[in-house]
Amino acid sequence: KNLENQIPSDIDWIIRVDGHTDKKQVVPGTKGY
């Protein structure tokens, strides 16, 4: 939020939020994903 007030409005910037997991396989039947 502080950064939003500092960066000029003519610069189109974003914060990328990238999710990563380990390689353990999901247990079959897990709810939600």
PDB file of all heavy atoms in Angstrom:
ATOM      1  N   LYS A   1       0.829  -1.205   0.000  1.00  0.00           N
ATOM      2  CA  LYS A   1       0.000   0.000   0.000  1.00  0.00           C
ATOM      3  C   LYS A   1       0.866   1.258   0.000  1.00  0.00           C
ATOM      4  O   LYS A   1       0.571   2.240  -0.697  1.00  0.00           O
ATOM      5  CB  LYS A   1      -0.925  -0.011   1.214  1.00  0.00           C
ATOM      6  CG  LYS A   1      -2.060  -0.987   1.096  1.00  0.00           C
ATOM      7  CD  LYS A   1      -3.076  -0.839   2.218  1.00  0.00           C
ATOM      8  CE  LYS A   1      -2.475  -1.190   3.563  1.00  0.00           C
ATOM      9  NZ  LYS A   1      -3.481  -1.082   4.655  1.00  0.00           N
ATOM     10  N   ASN A   2       1.957   1.262   0.733  1.00  0.00           N
ATOM     11  CA  ASN A   2       2.874   2.396   0.711  1.00  0.00           C
ATOM     12  C   ASN A   2       3.497   2.570  -0.664  1.00  0.00           C
ATOM     13  O   ASN A   2       3.712   3.697  -1.131  1.00  0.00           O
ATOM     14  CB  ASN A   2       3.966   2.210   1.763  1.00  0.00           C
ATOM     15  CG  ASN A   2       3.423   2.296   3.179  1.00  0.00           C
ATOM     16  OD1 ASN A   2       2.393   2.957   3.424  1.00  0.00           O
ATOM     17  ND2 ASN A   2       4.074   1.600   4.117  1.00  0.00           N
ATOM     18  N   LEU A   3       3.770   1.402  -1.317  1.00  0.00           N
ATOM     19  CA  LEU A   3       4.373   1.452  -2.645  1.00  0.00           C
ATOM     20  C   LEU A   3       3.413   2.053  -3.665  1.00  0.00           C
ATOM     21  O   LEU A   3       3.823   2.755  -4.591  1.00  0.00           O
ATOM     22  CB  LEU A   3       4.797   0.033  -3.067  1.00  0.00           C
ATOM     23  CG  LEU A   3       5.642  -0.083  -4.332  1.00  0.00           C
ATOM     24  CD1 LEU A   3       6.995   0.584  -4.134  1.00  0.00           C
ATOM     25  CD2 LEU A   3       5.845  -1.543  -4.714  1.00  0.00           C
ATOM     26  N   GLU A   4       2.118   1.779  -3.512  1.00  0.00           N
ATOM     27  CA  GLU A   4       1.125   2.339  -4.432  1.00  0.00           C
ATOM     28  C   GLU A   4       1.168   3.866  -4.420  1.00  0.00           C
ATOM     29  O   GLU A   4       0.955   4.509  -5.459  1.00  0.00           O
ATOM     30  CB  GLU A   4      -0.276   1.857  -4.049  1.00  0.00           C
ATOM     31  CG  GLU A   4      -0.561   0.422  -4.416  1.00  0.00           C
ATOM     32  CD  GLU A   4      -1.997   0.011  -4.108  1.00  0.00           C
ATOM     33  OE1 GLU A   4      -2.309  -0.163  -2.924  1.00  0.00           O
ATOM     34  OE2 GLU A   4      -2.776  -0.118  -5.068  1.00  0.00           O
ATOM     35  N   ASN A   5       1.454   4.470  -3.285  1.00  0.00           N
ATOM     36  CA  ASN A   5       1.493   5.926  -3.187  1.00  0.00           C
ATOM     37  C   ASN A   5       2.778   6.498  -3.760  1.00  0.00           C
ATOM     38  O   ASN A   5       2.836   7.680  -4.104  1.00  0.00           O
ATOM     39  CB  ASN A   5       1.354   6.351  -1.721  1.00  0.00           C
ATOM     40  CG  ASN A   5       0.002   5.940  -1.138  1.00  0.00           C
ATOM     41  OD1 ASN A   5      -1.009   5.922  -1.853  1.00  0.00           O
ATOM     42  ND2 ASN A   5      -0.013   5.600   0.153  1.00  0.00           N
ATOM     43  N   GLN A   6       3.836   5.649  -3.907  1.00  0.00           N
ATOM     44  CA  GLN A   6       5.132   6.129  -4.370  1.00  0.00           C
ATOM     45  C   GLN A   6       5.294   5.982  -5.889  1.00  0.00           C
ATOM     46  O   GLN A   6       5.922   6.835  -6.527  1.00  0.00           O
ATOM     47  CB  GLN A   6       6.255   5.373  -3.660  1.00  0.00           C
ATOM     48  CG  GLN A   6       6.291   5.576  -2.155  1.00  0.00           C
ATOM     49  CD  GLN A   6       7.360   4.731  -1.488  1.00  0.00           C
ATOM     50  OE1 GLN A   6       8.254   4.206  -2.147  1.00  0.00           O
ATOM     51  NE2 GLN A   6       7.262   4.609  -0.162  1.00  0.00           N
ATOM     52  N   ILE A   7       4.746   4.914  -6.454  1.00  0.00           N
ATOM     53  CA  ILE A   7       4.924   4.659  -7.895  1.00  0.00           C
ATOM     54  C   ILE A   7       3.996   5.587  -8.672  1.00  0.00           C
ATOM     55  O   ILE A   7       2.799   5.671  -8.394  1.00  0.00           O
ATOM     56  CB  ILE A   7       4.625   3.194  -8.240  1.00  0.00           C
ATOM     57  CG1 ILE A   7       5.586   2.254  -7.486  1.00  0.00           C
ATOM     58  CG2 ILE A   7       4.749   2.945  -9.742  1.00  0.00           C
ATOM     59  CD1 ILE A   7       5.318   0.795  -7.695  1.00  0.00           C
ATOM     60  N   PRO A   8       4.524   6.317  -9.695  1.00  0.00           N
ATOM     61  CA  PRO A   8       3.685   7.223 -10.496  1.00  0.00           C
ATOM     62  C   PRO A   8       2.534   6.470 -11.149  1.00  0.00           C
ATOM     63  O   PRO A   8       2.630   5.283 -11.471  1.00  0.00           O
ATOM     64  CB  PRO A   8       4.656   7.785 -11.528  1.00  0.00           C
ATOM     65  CG  PRO A   8       6.004   7.644 -10.898  1.00  0.00           C
ATOM     66  CD  PRO A   8       5.932   6.393 -10.082  1.00  0.00           C
ATOM     67  N   SER A   9       1.466   7.183 -11.387  1.00  0.00           N
ATOM     68  CA  SER A   9       0.261   6.556 -11.949  1.00  0.00           C
ATOM     69  C   SER A   9       0.430   6.150 -13.395  1.00  0.00           C
ATOM     70  O   SER A   9      -0.331   5.313 -13.911  1.00  0.00           O
ATOM     71  CB  SER A   9      -0.930   7.529 -11.812  1.00  0.00           C
ATOM     72  OG  SER A   9      -0.646   8.750 -12.517  1.00  0.00           O
ATOM     73  N   ASP A  10       1.436   6.701 -14.121  1.00  0.00           N
ATOM     74  CA  ASP A  10       1.627   6.327 -15.523  1.00  0.00           C
ATOM     75  C   ASP A  10       2.383   5.010 -15.679  1.00  0.00           C
ATOM     76  O   ASP A  10       2.556   4.518 -16.791  1.00  0.00           O
ATOM     77  CB  ASP A  10       2.353   7.448 -16.264  1.00  0.00           C
ATOM     78  CG  ASP A  10       3.716   7.740 -15.652  1.00  0.00           C
ATOM     79  OD1 ASP A  10       3.922   7.363 -14.477  1.00  0.00           O
ATOM     80  OD2 ASP A  10       4.569   8.309 -16.348  1.00  0.00           O
ATOM     81  N   ILE A  11       2.854   4.405 -14.580  1.00  0.00           N
ATOM     82  CA  ILE A  11       3.532   3.088 -14.639  1.00  0.00           C
ATOM     83  C   ILE A  11       2.503   2.017 -14.278  1.00  0.00           C
ATOM     84  O   ILE A  11       1.938   2.014 -13.180  1.00  0.00           O
ATOM     85  CB  ILE A  11       4.714   3.047 -13.661  1.00  0.00           C
ATOM     86  CG1 ILE A  11       5.766   4.107 -14.044  1.00  0.00           C
ATOM     87  CG2 ILE A  11       5.337   1.650 -13.658  1.00  0.00           C
ATOM     88  CD1 ILE A  11       6.930   4.169 -13.089  1.00  0.00           C
ATOM     89  N   ASP A  12       2.263   1.111 -15.254  1.00  0.00           N
ATOM     90  CA  ASP A  12       1.266   0.039 -15.044  1.00  0.00           C
ATOM     91  C   ASP A  12       1.975  -1.173 -14.433  1.00  0.00           C
ATOM     92  O   ASP A  12       2.580  -1.976 -15.133  1.00  0.00           O
ATOM     93  CB  ASP A  12       0.617  -0.327 -16.385  1.00  0.00           C
ATOM     94  CG  ASP A  12      -0.598  -1.234 -16.197  1.00  0.00           C
ATOM     95  OD1 ASP A  12      -1.027  -1.408 -15.039  1.00  0.00           O
ATOM     96  OD2 ASP A  12      -1.105  -1.751 -17.211  1.00  0.00           O
ATOM     97  N   TRP A  13       1.931  -1.301 -13.130  1.00  0.00           N
ATOM     98  CA  TRP A  13       2.635  -2.355 -12.424  1.00  0.00           C
ATOM     99  C   TRP A  13       1.656  -3.302 -11.730  1.00  0.00           C
ATOM    100  O   TRP A  13       0.511  -2.951 -11.464  1.00  0.00           O
ATOM    101  CB  TRP A  13       3.601  -1.757 -11.389  1.00  0.00           C
ATOM    102  CG  TRP A  13       2.916  -0.948 -10.336  1.00  0.00           C
ATOM    103  CD1 TRP A  13       2.560   0.367 -10.416  1.00  0.00           C
ATOM    104  CD2 TRP A  13       2.478  -1.424  -9.061  1.00  0.00           C
ATOM    105  NE1 TRP A  13       1.921   0.785  -9.283  1.00  0.00           N
ATOM    106  CE2 TRP A  13       1.863  -0.314  -8.424  1.00  0.00           C
ATOM    107  CE3 TRP A  13       2.538  -2.642  -8.388  1.00  0.00           C
ATOM    108  CZ2 TRP A  13       1.308  -0.405  -7.142  1.00  0.00           C
ATOM    109  CZ3 TRP A  13       2.005  -2.719  -7.126  1.00  0.00           C
ATOM    110  CH2 TRP A  13       1.399  -1.615  -6.511  1.00  0.00           C
ATOM    111  N   ILE A  14       2.153  -4.533 -11.413  1.00  0.00           N
ATOM    112  CA  ILE A  14       1.348  -5.548 -10.722  1.00  0.00           C
ATOM    113  C   ILE A  14       2.241  -6.311  -9.750  1.00  0.00           C
ATOM    114  O   ILE A  14       3.481  -6.224  -9.832  1.00  0.00           O
ATOM    115  CB  ILE A  14       0.710  -6.564 -11.697  1.00  0.00           C
ATOM    116  CG1 ILE A  14       1.798  -7.280 -12.518  1.00  0.00           C
ATOM    117  CG2 ILE A  14      -0.329  -5.895 -12.594  1.00  0.00           C
ATOM    118  CD1 ILE A  14       1.286  -8.416 -13.362  1.00  0.00           C
ATOM    119  N   ILE A  15       1.607  -6.969  -8.826  1.00  0.00           N
ATOM    120  CA  ILE A  15       2.295  -7.923  -7.948  1.00  0.00           C
ATOM    121  C   ILE A  15       1.857  -9.332  -8.370  1.00  0.00           C
ATOM    122  O   ILE A  15       0.685  -9.709  -8.223  1.00  0.00           O
ATOM    123  CB  ILE A  15       1.955  -7.689  -6.465  1.00  0.00           C
ATOM    124  CG1 ILE A  15       2.384  -6.295  -6.023  1.00  0.00           C
ATOM    125  CG2 ILE A  15       2.613  -8.764  -5.594  1.00  0.00           C
ATOM    126  CD1 ILE A  15       3.879  -6.089  -5.996  1.00  0.00           C
ATOM    127  N   ARG A  16       2.794 -10.097  -8.906  1.00  0.00           N
ATOM    128  CA  ARG A  16       2.483 -11.490  -9.251  1.00  0.00           C
ATOM    129  C   ARG A  16       2.564 -12.354  -7.994  1.00  0.00           C
ATOM    130  O   ARG A  16       3.544 -12.276  -7.237  1.00  0.00           O
ATOM    131  CB  ARG A  16       3.468 -12.027 -10.291  1.00  0.00           C
ATOM    132  CG  ARG A  16       3.211 -11.539 -11.702  1.00  0.00           C
ATOM    133  CD  ARG A  16       4.133 -12.216 -12.698  1.00  0.00           C
ATOM    134  NE  ARG A  16       4.086 -13.679 -12.562  1.00  0.00           N
ATOM    135  CZ  ARG A  16       4.809 -14.512 -13.311  1.00  0.00           C
ATOM    136  NH1 ARG A  16       5.640 -14.029 -14.222  1.00  0.00           N
ATOM    137  NH2 ARG A  16       4.707 -15.815 -13.129  1.00  0.00           N
ATOM    138  N   VAL A  17       1.495 -13.154  -7.779  1.00  0.00           N
ATOM    139  CA  VAL A  17       1.451 -14.074  -6.636  1.00  0.00           C
ATOM    140  C   VAL A  17       1.458 -15.495  -7.213  1.00  0.00           C
ATOM    141  O   VAL A  17       0.428 -15.992  -7.684  1.00  0.00           O
ATOM    142  CB  VAL A  17       0.207 -13.841  -5.764  1.00  0.00           C
ATOM    143  CG1 VAL A  17       0.233 -14.774  -4.560  1.00  0.00           C
ATOM    144  CG2 VAL A  17       0.123 -12.384  -5.334  1.00  0.00           C
ATOM    145  N   ASP A  18       2.631 -16.145  -7.228  1.00  0.00           N
ATOM    146  CA  ASP A  18       2.781 -17.463  -7.848  1.00  0.00           C
ATOM    147  C   ASP A  18       2.832 -18.545  -6.772  1.00  0.00           C
ATOM    148  O   ASP A  18       3.671 -18.497  -5.861  1.00  0.00           O
ATOM    149  CB  ASP A  18       4.063 -17.526  -8.671  1.00  0.00           C
ATOM    150  CG  ASP A  18       4.049 -16.534  -9.825  1.00  0.00           C
ATOM    151  OD1 ASP A  18       2.946 -16.126 -10.228  1.00  0.00           O
ATOM    152  OD2 ASP A  18       5.143 -16.172 -10.311  1.00  0.00           O
ATOM    153  N   GLY A  19       1.930 -19.551  -6.898  1.00  0.00           N
ATOM    154  CA  GLY A  19       1.903 -20.672  -5.957  1.00  0.00           C
ATOM    155  C   GLY A  19       2.658 -21.868  -6.507  1.00  0.00           C
ATOM    156  O   GLY A  19       2.538 -22.211  -7.691  1.00  0.00           O
ATOM    157  N   HIS A  20       3.455 -22.536  -5.647  1.00  0.00           N
ATOM    158  CA  HIS A  20       4.234 -23.723  -6.028  1.00  0.00           C
ATOM    159  C   HIS A  20       4.077 -24.787  -4.938  1.00  0.00           C
ATOM    160  O   HIS A  20       3.953 -24.458  -3.762  1.00  0.00           O
ATOM    161  CB  HIS A  20       5.713 -23.386  -6.196  1.00  0.00           C
ATOM    162  CG  HIS A  20       5.982 -22.382  -7.275  1.00  0.00           C
ATOM    163  ND1 HIS A  20       6.240 -22.721  -8.576  1.00  0.00           N
ATOM    164  CD2 HIS A  20       6.019 -21.011  -7.220  1.00  0.00           C
ATOM    165  CE1 HIS A  20       6.449 -21.629  -9.286  1.00  0.00           C
ATOM    166  NE2 HIS A  20       6.313 -20.567  -8.481  1.00  0.00           N
ATOM    167  N   THR A  21       4.117 -26.074  -5.349  1.00  0.00           N
ATOM    168  CA  THR A  21       4.026 -27.195  -4.397  1.00  0.00           C
ATOM    169  C   THR A  21       5.225 -28.119  -4.589  1.00  0.00           C
ATOM    170  O   THR A  21       6.001 -27.985  -5.545  1.00  0.00           O
ATOM    171  CB  THR A  21       2.741 -28.015  -4.616  1.00  0.00           C
ATOM    172  OG1 THR A  21       2.826 -28.671  -5.890  1.00  0.00           O
ATOM    173  CG2 THR A  21       1.512 -27.125  -4.589  1.00  0.00           C
ATOM    174  N   ASP A  22       5.382 -29.098  -3.659  1.00  0.00           N
ATOM    175  CA  ASP A  22       6.381 -30.140  -3.886  1.00  0.00           C
ATOM    176  C   ASP A  22       5.788 -31.196  -4.817  1.00  0.00           C
ATOM    177  O   ASP A  22       4.658 -31.060  -5.288  1.00  0.00           O
ATOM    178  CB  ASP A  22       6.828 -30.751  -2.554  1.00  0.00           C
ATOM    179  CG  ASP A  22       5.659 -31.349  -1.773  1.00  0.00           C
ATOM    180  OD1 ASP A  22       4.652 -31.756  -2.399  1.00  0.00           O
ATOM    181  OD2 ASP A  22       5.742 -31.407  -0.532  1.00  0.00           O
ATOM    182  N   LYS A  23       6.568 -32.239  -5.078  1.00  0.00           N
ATOM    183  CA  LYS A  23       6.108 -33.220  -6.070  1.00  0.00           C
ATOM    184  C   LYS A  23       5.396 -34.419  -5.463  1.00  0.00           C
ATOM    185  O   LYS A  23       5.146 -35.415  -6.139  1.00  0.00           O
ATOM    186  CB  LYS A  23       7.287 -33.708  -6.907  1.00  0.00           C
ATOM    187  CG  LYS A  23       8.391 -34.393  -6.132  1.00  0.00           C
ATOM    188  CD  LYS A  23       9.510 -34.769  -7.093  1.00  0.00           C
ATOM    189  CE  LYS A  23      10.658 -35.449  -6.381  1.00  0.00           C
ATOM    190  NZ  LYS A  23      11.760 -35.778  -7.310  1.00  0.00           N
ATOM    191  N   LYS A  24       5.050 -34.355  -4.184  1.00  0.00           N
ATOM    192  CA  LYS A  24       4.232 -35.414  -3.602  1.00  0.00           C
ATOM    193  C   LYS A  24       2.854 -35.392  -4.229  1.00  0.00           C
ATOM    194  O   LYS A  24       2.229 -34.336  -4.329  1.00  0.00           O
ATOM    195  CB  LYS A  24       4.121 -35.230  -2.089  1.00  0.00           C
ATOM    196  CG  LYS A  24       5.391 -35.544  -1.320  1.00  0.00           C
ATOM    197  CD  LYS A  24       5.154 -35.416   0.169  1.00  0.00           C
ATOM    198  CE  LYS A  24       6.410 -35.778   0.956  1.00  0.00           C
ATOM    199  NZ  LYS A  24       6.169 -35.648   2.414  1.00  0.00           N
ATOM    200  N   GLN A  25       2.377 -36.570  -4.655  1.00  0.00           N
ATOM    201  CA  GLN A  25       1.091 -36.636  -5.334  1.00  0.00           C
ATOM    202  C   GLN A  25      -0.056 -36.477  -4.338  1.00  0.00           C
ATOM    203  O   GLN A  25       0.045 -36.895  -3.179  1.00  0.00           O
ATOM    204  CB  GLN A  25       0.942 -37.958  -6.097  1.00  0.00           C
ATOM    205  CG  GLN A  25       1.979 -38.140  -7.193  1.00  0.00           C
ATOM    206  CD  GLN A  25       1.910 -37.054  -8.240  1.00  0.00           C
ATOM    207  OE1 GLN A  25       0.828 -36.705  -8.716  1.00  0.00           O
ATOM    208  NE2 GLN A  25       3.065 -36.488  -8.597  1.00  0.00           N
ATOM    209  N   VAL A  26      -1.145 -35.882  -4.835  1.00  0.00           N
ATOM    210  CA  VAL A  26      -2.333 -35.689  -4.009  1.00  0.00           C
ATOM    211  C   VAL A  26      -2.991 -37.037  -3.742  1.00  0.00           C
ATOM    212  O   VAL A  26      -3.097 -37.885  -4.642  1.00  0.00           O
ATOM    213  CB  VAL A  26      -3.321 -34.735  -4.710  1.00  0.00           C
ATOM    214  CG1 VAL A  26      -4.620 -34.622  -3.928  1.00  0.00           C
ATOM    215  CG2 VAL A  26      -2.681 -33.356  -4.877  1.00  0.00           C
ATOM    216  N   VAL A  27      -3.421 -37.257  -2.518  1.00  0.00           N
ATOM    217  CA  VAL A  27      -4.098 -38.506  -2.164  1.00  0.00           C
ATOM    218  C   VAL A  27      -5.447 -38.565  -2.897  1.00  0.00           C
ATOM    219  O   VAL A  27      -6.215 -37.603  -2.843  1.00  0.00           O
ATOM    220  CB  VAL A  27      -4.321 -38.595  -0.641  1.00  0.00           C
ATOM    221  CG1 VAL A  27      -5.081 -39.865  -0.281  1.00  0.00           C
ATOM    222  CG2 VAL A  27      -2.989 -38.541   0.087  1.00  0.00           C
ATOM    223  N   PRO A  28      -5.723 -39.661  -3.638  1.00  0.00           N
ATOM    224  CA  PRO A  28      -7.003 -39.761  -4.350  1.00  0.00           C
ATOM    225  C   PRO A  28      -8.181 -39.606  -3.396  1.00  0.00           C
ATOM    226  O   PRO A  28      -8.181 -40.132  -2.285  1.00  0.00           O
ATOM    227  CB  PRO A  28      -6.963 -41.172  -4.961  1.00  0.00           C
ATOM    228  CG  PRO A  28      -5.506 -41.499  -5.065  1.00  0.00           C
ATOM    229  CD  PRO A  28      -4.861 -40.836  -3.893  1.00  0.00           C
ATOM    230  N   GLY A  29      -9.186 -38.861  -3.843  1.00  0.00           N
ATOM    231  CA  GLY A  29     -10.377 -38.651  -3.029  1.00  0.00           C
ATOM    232  C   GLY A  29     -10.315 -37.411  -2.164  1.00  0.00           C
ATOM    233  O   GLY A  29     -11.259 -37.111  -1.420  1.00  0.00           O
ATOM    234  N   THR A  30      -9.178 -36.653  -2.245  1.00  0.00           N
ATOM    235  CA  THR A  30      -9.060 -35.418  -1.459  1.00  0.00           C
ATOM    236  C   THR A  30     -10.094 -34.403  -1.938  1.00  0.00           C
ATOM    237  O   THR A  30     -10.228 -34.163  -3.139  1.00  0.00           O
ATOM    238  CB  THR A  30      -7.643 -34.832  -1.601  1.00  0.00           C
ATOM    239  OG1 THR A  30      -6.696 -35.795  -1.134  1.00  0.00           O
ATOM    240  CG2 THR A  30      -7.526 -33.551  -0.781  1.00  0.00           C
ATOM    241  N   LYS A  31     -10.824 -33.829  -1.019  1.00  0.00           N
ATOM    242  CA  LYS A  31     -11.868 -32.867  -1.366  1.00  0.00           C
ATOM    243  C   LYS A  31     -11.244 -31.493  -1.614  1.00  0.00           C
ATOM    244  O   LYS A  31     -10.279 -31.096  -0.956  1.00  0.00           O
ATOM    245  CB  LYS A  31     -12.893 -32.763  -0.237  1.00  0.00           C
ATOM    246  CG  LYS A  31     -13.698 -34.029  -0.028  1.00  0.00           C
ATOM    247  CD  LYS A  31     -14.749 -33.842   1.053  1.00  0.00           C
ATOM    248  CE  LYS A  31     -15.566 -35.109   1.247  1.00  0.00           C
ATOM    249  NZ  LYS A  31     -16.581 -34.957   2.295  1.00  0.00           N
ATOM    250  N   GLY A  32     -11.798 -30.757  -2.564  1.00  0.00           N
ATOM    251  CA  GLY A  32     -11.377 -29.387  -2.819  1.00  0.00           C
ATOM    252  C   GLY A  32     -10.460 -29.242  -4.006  1.00  0.00           C
ATOM    253  O   GLY A  32     -10.484 -28.206  -4.686  1.00  0.00           O
ATOM    254  N   TYR A  33      -9.638 -30.224  -4.293  1.00  0.00           N
ATOM    255  CA  TYR A  33      -8.733 -30.160  -5.439  1.00  0.00           C
ATOM    256  C   TYR A  33      -8.329 -31.587  -5.799  1.00  0.00           C
ATOM    257  O   TYR A  33      -8.403 -32.495  -4.979  1.00  0.00           O
ATOM    258  CB  TYR A  33      -7.508 -29.309  -5.132  1.00  0.00           C
ATOM    259  CG  TYR A  33      -6.738 -29.757  -3.917  1.00  0.00           C
ATOM    260  CD1 TYR A  33      -5.696 -30.676  -4.023  1.00  0.00           C
ATOM    261  CD2 TYR A  33      -7.049 -29.265  -2.647  1.00  0.00           C
ATOM    262  CE1 TYR A  33      -4.992 -31.095  -2.910  1.00  0.00           C
ATOM    263  CE2 TYR A  33      -6.344 -29.686  -1.530  1.00  0.00           C
ATOM    264  CZ  TYR A  33      -5.317 -30.601  -1.662  1.00  0.00           C
ATOM    265  OH  TYR A  33      -4.620 -31.020  -0.570  1.00  0.00           O
TER     266      TYR A  33
END
